[in-house]
Protein backbone atom coordinates (compact mmCIF):
# COMPACT_ATOMS: atom_id res chain seq x y z
CA UNK A 1 14.95 -16.31 -14.91
CA UNK A 2 13.48 -12.80 -15.03
CA UNK A 3 15.82 -9.89 -15.52
CA UNK A 4 15.31 -6.30 -14.54
CA UNK A 5 16.39 -3.42 -16.74
CA UNK A 6 16.14 0.19 -15.52
CA UNK A 7 13.35 -0.45 -13.00
CA UNK A 8 11.17 -2.63 -15.26
CA UNK A 9 11.01 -6.42 -15.44
CA UNK A 10 9.82 -8.71 -18.26
CA UNK A 11 6.28 -8.67 -16.87
CA UNK A 12 6.21 -4.91 -17.50
CA UNK A 13 6.11 -4.22 -13.79
CA UNK A 14 7.81 -1.14 -12.43
CA UNK A 15 9.49 -0.46 -9.11
CA UNK A 16 7.51 2.05 -7.06
CA UNK A 17 9.60 5.23 -6.77
CA UNK A 18 11.19 4.99 -3.35
CA UNK A 19 9.42 7.91 -1.74
CA UNK A 20 11.10 10.98 -3.07
CA UNK A 21 10.92 13.91 -0.64
CA UNK A 22 8.00 15.50 -2.48
CA UNK A 23 5.95 12.27 -2.47
CA UNK A 24 2.84 11.95 -0.31
CA UNK A 25 3.89 8.48 0.81
CA UNK A 26 6.85 6.74 2.43
CA UNK A 27 8.00 3.19 1.72
CA UNK A 28 8.62 0.29 4.07
CA UNK A 29 8.72 -3.49 3.79
CA UNK A 30 11.02 -6.36 3.10
CA UNK A 31 13.15 -6.80 1.18
CA UNK A 32 14.29 -3.18 1.40
CA UNK A 33 15.12 -0.75 -1.37
CA UNK A 34 12.04 -1.47 -3.47
CA UNK A 35 12.86 -5.13 -4.12
CA UNK A 36 9.39 -6.06 -2.86
CA UNK A 37 7.64 -3.14 -4.53
CA UNK A 38 7.28 -4.20 -8.15
CA UNK A 39 3.89 -3.00 -9.31
CA UNK A 40 1.55 -3.55 -12.23
CA UNK A 41 1.02 -0.25 -14.11
CA UNK A 42 -2.58 -0.13 -12.80
CA UNK A 43 -1.24 -0.29 -9.22
CA UNK A 44 1.10 2.62 -9.88
CA UNK A 45 -1.78 4.61 -11.35
CA UNK A 46 -3.81 3.86 -8.22
CA UNK A 47 -0.99 4.86 -5.86
CA UNK A 48 -0.28 8.11 -7.70
CA UNK A 49 -3.97 9.08 -7.83
CA UNK A 50 -4.35 8.26 -4.14
CA UNK A 51 -1.22 10.21 -3.28
CA UNK A 52 -2.49 13.26 -5.19
CA UNK A 53 -5.92 13.16 -3.52
CA UNK A 54 -4.48 12.53 -0.06
CA UNK A 55 -1.90 15.34 -0.34
CA UNK A 56 -4.70 17.81 -1.05
CA UNK A 57 -6.37 17.12 2.33
CA UNK A 58 -3.58 16.03 4.71
CA UNK A 59 0.13 16.76 4.86
CA UNK A 60 1.02 13.45 6.53
CA UNK A 61 2.52 10.72 4.40
CA UNK A 62 0.94 7.27 4.24
CA UNK A 63 3.08 4.13 4.26
CA UNK A 64 3.34 1.78 1.29
CA UNK A 65 4.77 -1.67 1.94
CA UNK A 66 5.01 -4.90 0.00
CA UNK A 67 3.56 -5.20 -3.50
CA UNK A 68 5.33 -7.96 -5.48
CA UNK A 69 8.78 -9.36 -6.16
CA UNK A 70 10.26 -8.67 -9.59
CA UNK A 71 9.72 -12.18 -10.92
CA UNK A 72 6.31 -12.75 -9.32
CA UNK A 73 7.74 -15.50 -7.12
CA UNK A 74 6.19 -16.59 -3.85
CA UNK A 75 6.53 -13.79 -1.31
CA UNK A 76 6.43 -15.32 2.20
CA UNK A 77 4.70 -14.76 4.54
CA UNK A 78 2.14 -13.55 2.00
CA UNK A 79 -0.21 -15.95 0.25
CA UNK A 80 -0.71 -13.36 -2.47
CA UNK A 81 1.40 -10.37 -3.59
CA UNK A 82 2.41 -11.99 -6.87
CA UNK A 83 0.28 -10.10 -9.41
CA UNK A 84 1.53 -6.58 -8.71
CA UNK A 85 -2.09 -5.63 -7.98
CA UNK A 86 -1.97 -6.02 -4.17
CA UNK A 87 -0.32 -3.63 -1.77
CA UNK A 88 0.10 -3.39 1.99
CA UNK A 89 -0.37 0.06 3.51
CA UNK A 90 -0.09 1.30 7.05
CA UNK A 91 -2.96 2.97 8.87
CA UNK A 92 -2.31 6.59 9.84
CA UNK A 93 -0.87 7.58 13.19
CA UNK A 94 -1.79 10.61 15.28
CA UNK A 95 1.89 11.29 16.09
CA UNK A 96 2.92 11.42 12.39
CA UNK A 97 5.66 8.80 12.85
CA UNK A 98 6.46 6.46 9.98
CA UNK A 99 6.03 3.34 12.10
CA UNK A 100 3.49 0.52 12.29
CA UNK A 101 0.42 0.99 14.47
CA UNK A 102 -2.35 -1.41 15.46
CA UNK A 103 -5.93 -0.25 15.24
CA UNK A 104 -6.23 -0.90 18.99
CA UNK A 105 -3.45 1.53 19.98
CA UNK A 106 -4.01 5.10 21.16
CA UNK A 107 -1.70 6.51 18.46
CA UNK A 108 -3.90 5.05 15.68
CA UNK A 109 -5.83 7.73 13.80
CA UNK A 110 -9.12 6.07 12.86
CA UNK A 111 -10.61 9.21 11.30
CA UNK A 112 -7.64 9.77 8.97
CA UNK A 113 -7.38 6.08 8.11
CA UNK A 114 -11.07 5.99 7.20
CA UNK A 115 -10.60 9.11 5.06
CA UNK A 116 -7.68 7.40 3.27
CA UNK A 117 -9.79 4.29 2.62
CA UNK A 118 -12.63 6.47 1.28
CA UNK A 119 -10.15 8.06 -1.14
CA UNK A 120 -8.98 4.60 -2.20
CA UNK A 121 -12.50 3.60 -3.17
CA UNK A 122 -13.08 6.97 -4.84
CA UNK A 123 -10.42 6.07 -7.44
CA UNK A 124 -12.77 3.39 -8.76
CA UNK A 125 -9.81 0.98 -8.92
CA UNK A 126 -10.17 -0.89 -5.60
CA UNK A 127 -11.58 -4.41 -5.52
CA UNK A 128 -11.39 -4.77 -1.73
CA UNK A 129 -9.53 -3.76 1.41
CA UNK A 130 -8.69 -6.09 4.28
CA UNK A 131 -8.17 -4.50 7.70
CA UNK A 132 -9.35 -5.53 11.14
CA UNK A 133 -10.87 -2.23 12.31
CA UNK A 134 -14.51 -3.26 12.03
CA UNK A 135 -15.73 0.28 12.69
CA UNK A 136 -14.59 1.35 9.21
CA UNK A 137 -17.05 0.75 6.37
CA UNK A 138 -16.01 -1.28 3.33
CA UNK A 139 -13.15 -3.16 4.98
CA UNK A 140 -13.13 -6.90 5.59
CA UNK A 141 -11.31 -8.56 8.48
CA UNK A 142 -8.41 -10.91 7.83
CA UNK A 143 -6.12 -12.62 10.31
CA UNK A 144 -2.85 -10.73 10.71
CA UNK A 145 -4.21 -7.38 9.50
CA UNK A 146 -4.33 -5.40 12.76
CA UNK A 147 -1.46 -3.10 11.74
CA UNK A 148 -1.82 -2.79 7.99
CA UNK A 149 -4.33 -2.65 5.19
CA UNK A 150 -4.18 -5.13 2.32
CA UNK A 151 -5.53 -3.36 -0.76
CA UNK A 152 -6.42 -5.19 -3.98
CA UNK A 153 -6.65 -3.17 -7.18
CA UNK A 154 -8.63 -4.18 -10.27
CA UNK A 155 -6.26 -5.13 -13.08
């Protein structure tokens, strides 16, 4: 059995800070309170670099969802999310609400979402992004990814 001590588990994964007020992101997902947001150090580096770059061009926060459980156990309904190197993120909304949005809805901000994805790739840490908006370059479609991006970071 894995144990967690002060936000770190035996795999040397850390809980993503739960969106302090000054952060450029907000958190969502299940289970709540960061229990599904254990991240490999490389993932945290990616998120913090992305947050810094994003905050310099847009004052909206982007949503960070599930990453991994503390012990790396199966994380239904995900087939992945065990390595701490995969994260779900919400596309941006035009109305600035911290809610899910499908790429087919009028409140979806395609331009901002594409800009966020460009910044992801600019970190040099992204392996691939799954998202079903085929009008955005460098994303691949995947069933069930109409309302969130699945981002894989190189470990």
